[in-house]
Amino acid sequence: MRFSYTLGGLLSAGVVLAAPMPMPTPPGIPSASSAKSQLASLTVATAVDDGNYERDLFPTWDTISGTCNTREYVLQRDGTGVTVGSNCQPTAGTWTSPYDGGKWTAASDVDIDHMVPLKNAWISGANKWTTAKREQFANDVTRPQLWAVTDNVNSSKGDKSPDSWKPPLSSFYCTYASAYVAVKSYWALSITSAEKSALTSMLNTC
């Protein structure tokens, strides 16, 4: 059942209206305590690079909704004031990169980062998956795996795990580590001892 109210009616009834809350981040980010518990449960193992990783083994940018692919979906989800054309390409909007605080008004300045890099996933268990499962991982909008961030920052991260790369904003360490652990936990991917140490330190900033 749907209800509609006028602003005046709400105000006269004494209802306090909160400002609309933006939703610039992916769903499924655990609390710090939950992330620490998940981290403790992850398998610690040496990463094995079999030399067979190729990005094409993780098909990306599936159609998610209507004509919108994964990238376009995330740009709409994480931006503010986003308008799109009939092909779902953004024609206007503002994006704030949580990794570095950069603000952008051109979608071309924004990359969609995989929180757990695809190659990292490959060397921590995804090399044993089917291509279909890797496709699900690469287009996962249900968990905090995909983030709209400054393109140059995404390039600097590349395939690095948290022991080799951290976001420029130390104030984001807690959220970054929590999201990273949540993705590794759901997809049952292993971590190295160096990853675990880095993630523990980042979660200790929460």
C-alpha atoms as a PDB file:
ATOM      1  CA  MET A   1       0.000   0.000   0.000  1.00  0.00           C
ATOM      2  CA  ARG A   2       1.344   3.444  -0.862  1.00  0.00           C
ATOM      3  CA  PHE A   3       0.813   6.594   1.184  1.00  0.00           C
ATOM      4  CA  SER A   4       1.440  10.178   0.175  1.00  0.00           C
ATOM      5  CA  TYR A   5       1.758  13.179   2.436  1.00  0.00           C
ATOM      6  CA  THR A   6       2.188  16.867   1.789  1.00  0.00           C
ATOM      7  CA  LEU A   7       5.142  18.646   3.327  1.00  0.00           C
ATOM      8  CA  GLY A   8       2.810  21.060   5.056  1.00  0.00           C
ATOM      9  CA  GLY A   9       0.825  18.224   6.565  1.00  0.00           C
ATOM     10  CA  LEU A  10       3.919  16.618   7.972  1.00  0.00           C
ATOM     11  CA  LEU A  11       5.184  19.834   9.455  1.00  0.00           C
ATOM     12  CA  SER A  12       1.846  20.685  11.003  1.00  0.00           C
ATOM     13  CA  ALA A  13       1.790  17.237  12.578  1.00  0.00           C
ATOM     14  CA  GLY A  14       5.101  17.999  14.242  1.00  0.00           C
ATOM     15  CA  VAL A  15       7.090  15.491  12.219  1.00  0.00           C
ATOM     16  CA  VAL A  16      10.780  16.338  11.954  1.00  0.00           C
ATOM     17  CA  LEU A  17      12.117  15.703   8.460  1.00  0.00           C
ATOM     18  CA  ALA A  18      15.693  14.544   8.221  1.00  0.00           C
ATOM     19  CA  ALA A  19      17.733  15.622   5.234  1.00  0.00           C
ATOM     20  CA  PRO A  20      17.911  12.896   2.599  1.00  0.00           C
ATOM     21  CA  MET A  21      20.934  10.716   3.234  1.00  0.00           C
ATOM     22  CA  PRO A  22      23.192  10.171   0.231  1.00  0.00           C
ATOM     23  CA  MET A  23      24.215   6.601  -0.485  1.00  0.00           C
ATOM     24  CA  PRO A  24      27.722   6.944  -1.916  1.00  0.00           C
ATOM     25  CA  THR A  25      28.975   3.574  -0.758  1.00  0.00           C
ATOM     26  CA  PRO A  26      28.237  -0.037  -1.645  1.00  0.00           C
ATOM     27  CA  PRO A  27      25.974  -2.184   0.522  1.00  0.00           C
ATOM     28  CA  GLY A  28      27.177  -4.845   2.919  1.00  0.00           C
ATOM     29  CA  ILE A  29      30.004  -3.066   4.749  1.00  0.00           C
ATOM     30  CA  PRO A  30      30.259  -4.828   8.123  1.00  0.00           C
ATOM     31  CA  SER A  31      30.824  -3.162  11.461  1.00  0.00           C
ATOM     32  CA  ALA A  32      34.402  -3.088  12.708  1.00  0.00           C
ATOM     33  CA  SER A  33      33.696  -5.867  15.207  1.00  0.00           C
ATOM     34  CA  SER A  34      32.109  -8.048  12.528  1.00  0.00           C
ATOM     35  CA  ALA A  35      35.000  -7.364  10.160  1.00  0.00           C
ATOM     36  CA  LYS A  36      37.497  -8.386  12.840  1.00  0.00           C
ATOM     37  CA  SER A  37      35.588 -11.616  13.405  1.00  0.00           C
ATOM     38  CA  GLN A  38      35.477 -12.302   9.675  1.00  0.00           C
ATOM     39  CA  LEU A  39      39.195 -11.571   9.376  1.00  0.00           C
ATOM     40  CA  ALA A  40      39.981 -14.056  12.139  1.00  0.00           C
ATOM     41  CA  SER A  41      38.062 -16.734  10.217  1.00  0.00           C
ATOM     42  CA  LEU A  42      39.808 -16.244   6.868  1.00  0.00           C
ATOM     43  CA  THR A  43      42.252 -18.889   5.701  1.00  0.00           C
ATOM     44  CA  VAL A  44      45.835 -17.627   5.775  1.00  0.00           C
ATOM     45  CA  ALA A  45      47.881 -19.092   2.956  1.00  0.00           C
ATOM     46  CA  THR A  46      50.692 -18.219   0.601  1.00  0.00           C
ATOM     47  CA  ALA A  47      49.376 -16.653  -2.590  1.00  0.00           C
ATOM     48  CA  VAL A  48      49.995 -18.882  -5.584  1.00  0.00           C
ATOM     49  CA  ASP A  49      50.502 -17.144  -8.912  1.00  0.00           C
ATOM     50  CA  ASP A  50      50.246 -19.815 -11.583  1.00  0.00           C
ATOM     51  CA  GLY A  51      50.999 -17.303 -14.324  1.00  0.00           C
ATOM     52  CA  ASN A  52      47.667 -17.912 -16.027  1.00  0.00           C
ATOM     53  CA  TYR A  53      45.775 -14.824 -14.867  1.00  0.00           C
ATOM     54  CA  GLU A  54      44.106 -12.773 -17.565  1.00  0.00           C
ATOM     55  CA  ARG A  55      41.543 -10.069 -16.917  1.00  0.00           C
ATOM     56  CA  ASP A  56      39.247 -11.605 -19.534  1.00  0.00           C
ATOM     57  CA  LEU A  57      38.838 -14.587 -17.214  1.00  0.00           C
ATOM     58  CA  PHE A  58      36.691 -12.234 -15.097  1.00  0.00           C
ATOM     59  CA  PRO A  59      34.029 -10.919 -17.531  1.00  0.00           C
ATOM     60  CA  THR A  60      33.040  -7.425 -16.415  1.00  0.00           C
ATOM     61  CA  TRP A  61      30.338  -4.837 -16.936  1.00  0.00           C
ATOM     62  CA  ASP A  62      27.345  -7.131 -17.194  1.00  0.00           C
ATOM     63  CA  THR A  63      23.907  -5.621 -17.731  1.00  0.00           C
ATOM     64  CA  ILE A  64      22.581  -5.028 -14.213  1.00  0.00           C
ATOM     65  CA  SER A  65      19.373  -3.061 -14.617  1.00  0.00           C
ATOM     66  CA  GLY A  66      17.543  -2.099 -17.801  1.00  0.00           C
ATOM     67  CA  THR A  67      20.228  -1.038 -20.251  1.00  0.00           C
ATOM     68  CA  CYS A  68      22.707  -0.154 -17.478  1.00  0.00           C
ATOM     69  CA  ASN A  69      25.848  -2.201 -17.128  1.00  0.00           C
ATOM     70  CA  THR A  70      27.765  -2.634 -13.898  1.00  0.00           C
ATOM     71  CA  ARG A  71      29.900   0.481 -14.344  1.00  0.00           C
ATOM     72  CA  GLU A  72      26.902   2.659 -15.170  1.00  0.00           C
ATOM     73  CA  TYR A  73      24.940   1.194 -12.262  1.00  0.00           C
ATOM     74  CA  VAL A  74      27.714   2.020  -9.783  1.00  0.00           C
ATOM     75  CA  LEU A  75      28.159   5.524 -11.194  1.00  0.00           C
ATOM     76  CA  GLN A  76      24.472   6.189 -10.554  1.00  0.00           C
ATOM     77  CA  ARG A  77      24.548   4.579  -7.125  1.00  0.00           C
ATOM     78  CA  ASP A  78      27.629   6.395  -5.879  1.00  0.00           C
ATOM     79  CA  GLY A  79      27.128   9.783  -7.513  1.00  0.00           C
ATOM     80  CA  THR A  80      24.894  12.700  -6.625  1.00  0.00           C
ATOM     81  CA  GLY A  81      22.622  14.487  -9.084  1.00  0.00           C
ATOM     82  CA  VAL A  82      23.405  11.902 -11.741  1.00  0.00           C
ATOM     83  CA  THR A  83      21.445  12.109 -14.977  1.00  0.00           C
ATOM     84  CA  VAL A  84      21.837   9.619 -17.779  1.00  0.00           C
ATOM     85  CA  GLY A  85      21.014   9.356 -21.446  1.00  0.00           C
ATOM     86  CA  SER A  86      18.923   6.657 -23.095  1.00  0.00           C
ATOM     87  CA  ASN A  87      22.047   4.467 -23.260  1.00  0.00           C
ATOM     88  CA  CYS A  88      22.525   4.852 -19.469  1.00  0.00           C
ATOM     89  CA  GLN A  89      25.730   6.845 -19.907  1.00  0.00           C
ATOM     90  CA  PRO A  90      25.913   9.651 -17.302  1.00  0.00           C
ATOM     91  CA  THR A  91      25.400  13.094 -18.797  1.00  0.00           C
ATOM     92  CA  ALA A  92      25.812  14.970 -15.513  1.00  0.00           C
ATOM     93  CA  GLY A  93      26.611  14.302 -11.893  1.00  0.00           C
ATOM     94  CA  THR A  94      29.154  14.676  -9.109  1.00  0.00           C
ATOM     95  CA  TRP A  95      31.286  11.910  -7.703  1.00  0.00           C
ATOM     96  CA  THR A  96      33.356  12.032  -4.524  1.00  0.00           C
ATOM     97  CA  SER A  97      36.076   9.403  -4.369  1.00  0.00           C
ATOM     98  CA  PRO A  98      36.189   7.910  -0.861  1.00  0.00           C
ATOM     99  CA  TYR A  99      39.777   6.773  -1.343  1.00  0.00           C
ATOM    100  CA  ASP A 100      41.219  10.263  -1.730  1.00  0.00           C
ATOM    101  CA  GLY A 101      38.366  12.764  -1.356  1.00  0.00           C
ATOM    102  CA  GLY A 102      38.601  13.898  -4.965  1.00  0.00           C
ATOM    103  CA  LYS A 103      35.437  15.441  -6.427  1.00  0.00           C
ATOM    104  CA  TRP A 104      34.635  14.970 -10.104  1.00  0.00           C
ATOM    105  CA  THR A 105      31.902  16.154 -12.429  1.00  0.00           C
ATOM    106  CA  ALA A 106      32.957  14.088 -15.443  1.00  0.00           C
ATOM    107  CA  ALA A 107      32.318  10.354 -15.342  1.00  0.00           C
ATOM    108  CA  SER A 108      35.455   9.878 -17.433  1.00  0.00           C
ATOM    109  CA  ASP A 109      37.508  10.885 -14.373  1.00  0.00           C
ATOM    110  CA  VAL A 110      35.977   8.068 -12.346  1.00  0.00           C
ATOM    111  CA  ASP A 111      36.963   4.406 -12.402  1.00  0.00           C
ATOM    112  CA  ILE A 112      35.062   1.527 -10.856  1.00  0.00           C
ATOM    113  CA  ASP A 113      37.518  -0.206  -8.563  1.00  0.00           C
ATOM    114  CA  HIS A 114      37.288  -3.830  -7.500  1.00  0.00           C
ATOM    115  CA  MET A 115      37.919  -3.674  -3.754  1.00  0.00           C
ATOM    116  CA  VAL A 116      39.555  -7.092  -3.927  1.00  0.00           C
ATOM    117  CA  PRO A 117      41.524  -6.835  -7.169  1.00  0.00           C
ATOM    118  CA  LEU A 118      40.777  -9.471  -9.778  1.00  0.00           C
ATOM    119  CA  LYS A 119      44.337 -10.782  -9.883  1.00  0.00           C
ATOM    120  CA  ASN A 120      44.431 -10.940  -6.095  1.00  0.00           C
ATOM    121  CA  ALA A 121      41.274 -13.031  -6.226  1.00  0.00           C
ATOM    122  CA  TRP A 122      42.898 -15.275  -8.837  1.00  0.00           C
ATOM    123  CA  ILE A 123      45.950 -16.002  -6.681  1.00  0.00           C
ATOM    124  CA  SER A 124      43.860 -16.539  -3.554  1.00  0.00           C
ATOM    125  CA  GLY A 125      41.431 -19.125  -4.872  1.00  0.00           C
ATOM    126  CA  ALA A 126      39.484 -17.802  -7.864  1.00  0.00           C
ATOM    127  CA  ASN A 127      41.767 -19.633 -10.293  1.00  0.00           C
ATOM    128  CA  LYS A 128      39.811 -22.741  -9.300  1.00  0.00           C
ATOM    129  CA  TRP A 129      36.422 -21.162 -10.034  1.00  0.00           C
ATOM    130  CA  THR A 130      34.364 -21.443 -13.188  1.00  0.00           C
ATOM    131  CA  THR A 131      34.328 -18.424 -15.474  1.00  0.00           C
ATOM    132  CA  ALA A 132      30.669 -17.932 -14.550  1.00  0.00           C
ATOM    133  CA  LYS A 133      31.551 -17.604 -10.865  1.00  0.00           C
ATOM    134  CA  ARG A 134      34.389 -15.213 -11.637  1.00  0.00           C
ATOM    135  CA  GLU A 135      31.919 -13.122 -13.644  1.00  0.00           C
ATOM    136  CA  GLN A 136      29.608 -12.949 -10.631  1.00  0.00           C
ATOM    137  CA  PHE A 137      32.540 -11.827  -8.480  1.00  0.00           C
ATOM    138  CA  ALA A 138      33.632  -9.153 -10.948  1.00  0.00           C
ATOM    139  CA  ASN A 139      30.109  -7.692 -11.145  1.00  0.00           C
ATOM    140  CA  ASP A 140      29.104  -8.083  -7.480  1.00  0.00           C
ATOM    141  CA  VAL A 141      26.927  -5.120  -6.523  1.00  0.00           C
ATOM    142  CA  THR A 142      25.426  -6.887  -3.499  1.00  0.00           C
ATOM    143  CA  ARG A 143      28.605  -6.661  -1.450  1.00  0.00           C
ATOM    144  CA  PRO A 144      31.158  -3.823  -1.036  1.00  0.00           C
ATOM    145  CA  GLN A 145      33.286  -4.961  -3.959  1.00  0.00           C
ATOM    146  CA  LEU A 146      32.747  -2.133  -6.473  1.00  0.00           C
ATOM    147  CA  TRP A 147      33.621   1.506  -5.746  1.00  0.00           C
ATOM    148  CA  ALA A 148      33.532   4.695  -7.829  1.00  0.00           C
ATOM    149  CA  VAL A 149      36.940   6.309  -7.306  1.00  0.00           C
ATOM    150  CA  THR A 150      39.399   8.723  -8.876  1.00  0.00           C
ATOM    151  CA  ASP A 151      40.863   7.082 -11.976  1.00  0.00           C
ATOM    152  CA  ASN A 152      44.491   7.868 -11.154  1.00  0.00           C
ATOM    153  CA  VAL A 153      44.110   6.499  -7.640  1.00  0.00           C
ATOM    154  CA  ASN A 154      42.630   3.309  -9.010  1.00  0.00           C
ATOM    155  CA  SER A 155      45.560   3.019 -11.400  1.00  0.00           C
ATOM    156  CA  SER A 156      48.031   3.424  -8.539  1.00  0.00           C
ATOM    157  CA  LYS A 157      46.298   0.623  -6.654  1.00  0.00           C
ATOM    158  CA  GLY A 158      46.306  -1.762  -9.592  1.00  0.00           C
ATOM    159  CA  ASP A 159      46.281  -5.369  -8.367  1.00  0.00           C
ATOM    160  CA  LYS A 160      47.844  -4.556  -4.993  1.00  0.00           C
ATOM    161  CA  SER A 161      46.537  -5.918  -1.703  1.00  0.00           C
ATOM    162  CA  PRO A 162      46.439  -3.787   1.492  1.00  0.00           C
ATOM    163  CA  ASP A 163      49.958  -4.784   2.549  1.00  0.00           C
ATOM    164  CA  SER A 164      51.252  -3.093  -0.614  1.00  0.00           C
ATOM    165  CA  TRP A 165      48.723  -0.284  -1.112  1.00  0.00           C
ATOM    166  CA  LYS A 166      46.369   1.715   1.091  1.00  0.00           C
ATOM    167  CA  PRO A 167      44.023   4.546   0.135  1.00  0.00           C
ATOM    168  CA  PRO A 168      45.493   8.063   0.437  1.00  0.00           C
ATOM    169  CA  LEU A 169      42.941   9.014   3.101  1.00  0.00           C
ATOM    170  CA  SER A 170      43.910   7.301   6.346  1.00  0.00           C
ATOM    171  CA  SER A 171      40.455   8.214   7.656  1.00  0.00           C
ATOM    172  CA  PHE A 172      39.101   5.656   5.176  1.00  0.00           C
ATOM    173  CA  TYR A 173      41.282   2.781   6.400  1.00  0.00           C
ATOM    174  CA  CYS A 174      38.562   1.375   8.648  1.00  0.00           C
ATOM    175  CA  THR A 175      35.916   1.253   5.922  1.00  0.00           C
ATOM    176  CA  TYR A 176      38.391   0.032   3.321  1.00  0.00           C
ATOM    177  CA  ALA A 177      39.588  -2.855   5.462  1.00  0.00           C
ATOM    178  CA  SER A 178      36.059  -3.763   6.549  1.00  0.00           C
ATOM    179  CA  ALA A 179      34.888  -3.905   2.942  1.00  0.00           C
ATOM    180  CA  TYR A 180      37.943  -5.863   1.821  1.00  0.00           C
ATOM    181  CA  VAL A 181      37.464  -8.458   4.553  1.00  0.00           C
ATOM    182  CA  ALA A 182      33.735  -8.764   3.820  1.00  0.00           C
ATOM    183  CA  VAL A 183      34.412  -9.565   0.169  1.00  0.00           C
ATOM    184  CA  LYS A 184      37.169 -12.057   0.965  1.00  0.00           C
ATOM    185  CA  SER A 185      34.935 -13.694   3.557  1.00  0.00           C
ATOM    186  CA  TYR A 186      31.846 -14.055   1.358  1.00  0.00           C
ATOM    187  CA  TRP A 187      33.813 -15.431  -1.579  1.00  0.00           C
ATOM    188  CA  ALA A 188      35.938 -17.678   0.654  1.00  0.00           C
ATOM    189  CA  LEU A 189      39.230 -16.292  -0.641  1.00  0.00           C
ATOM    190  CA  SER A 190      42.419 -16.730   1.336  1.00  0.00           C
ATOM    191  CA  ILE A 191      44.701 -13.978   2.594  1.00  0.00           C
ATOM    192  CA  THR A 192      48.446 -13.919   3.114  1.00  0.00           C
ATOM    193  CA  SER A 193      49.983 -13.264   6.516  1.00  0.00           C
ATOM    194  CA  ALA A 194      51.090  -9.842   5.240  1.00  0.00           C
ATOM    195  CA  GLU A 195      47.536  -9.048   4.157  1.00  0.00           C
ATOM    196  CA  LYS A 196      46.210 -10.085   7.551  1.00  0.00           C
ATOM    197  CA  SER A 197      48.717  -7.912   9.368  1.00  0.00           C
ATOM    198  CA  ALA A 198      47.876  -4.877   7.210  1.00  0.00           C
ATOM    199  CA  LEU A 199      44.128  -5.405   7.566  1.00  0.00           C
ATOM    200  CA  THR A 200      44.441  -5.815  11.331  1.00  0.00           C
ATOM    201  CA  SER A 201      46.293  -2.514  11.578  1.00  0.00           C
ATOM    202  CA  MET A 202      43.704  -0.780   9.412  1.00  0.00           C
ATOM    203  CA  LEU A 203      40.808  -2.175  11.451  1.00  0.00           C
ATOM    204  CA  ASN A 204      42.514  -0.942  14.604  1.00  0.00           C
ATOM    205  CA  THR A 205      41.899   2.611  13.345  1.00  0.00           C
ATOM    206  CA  CYS A 206      38.128   2.084  13.589  1.00  0.00           C
END
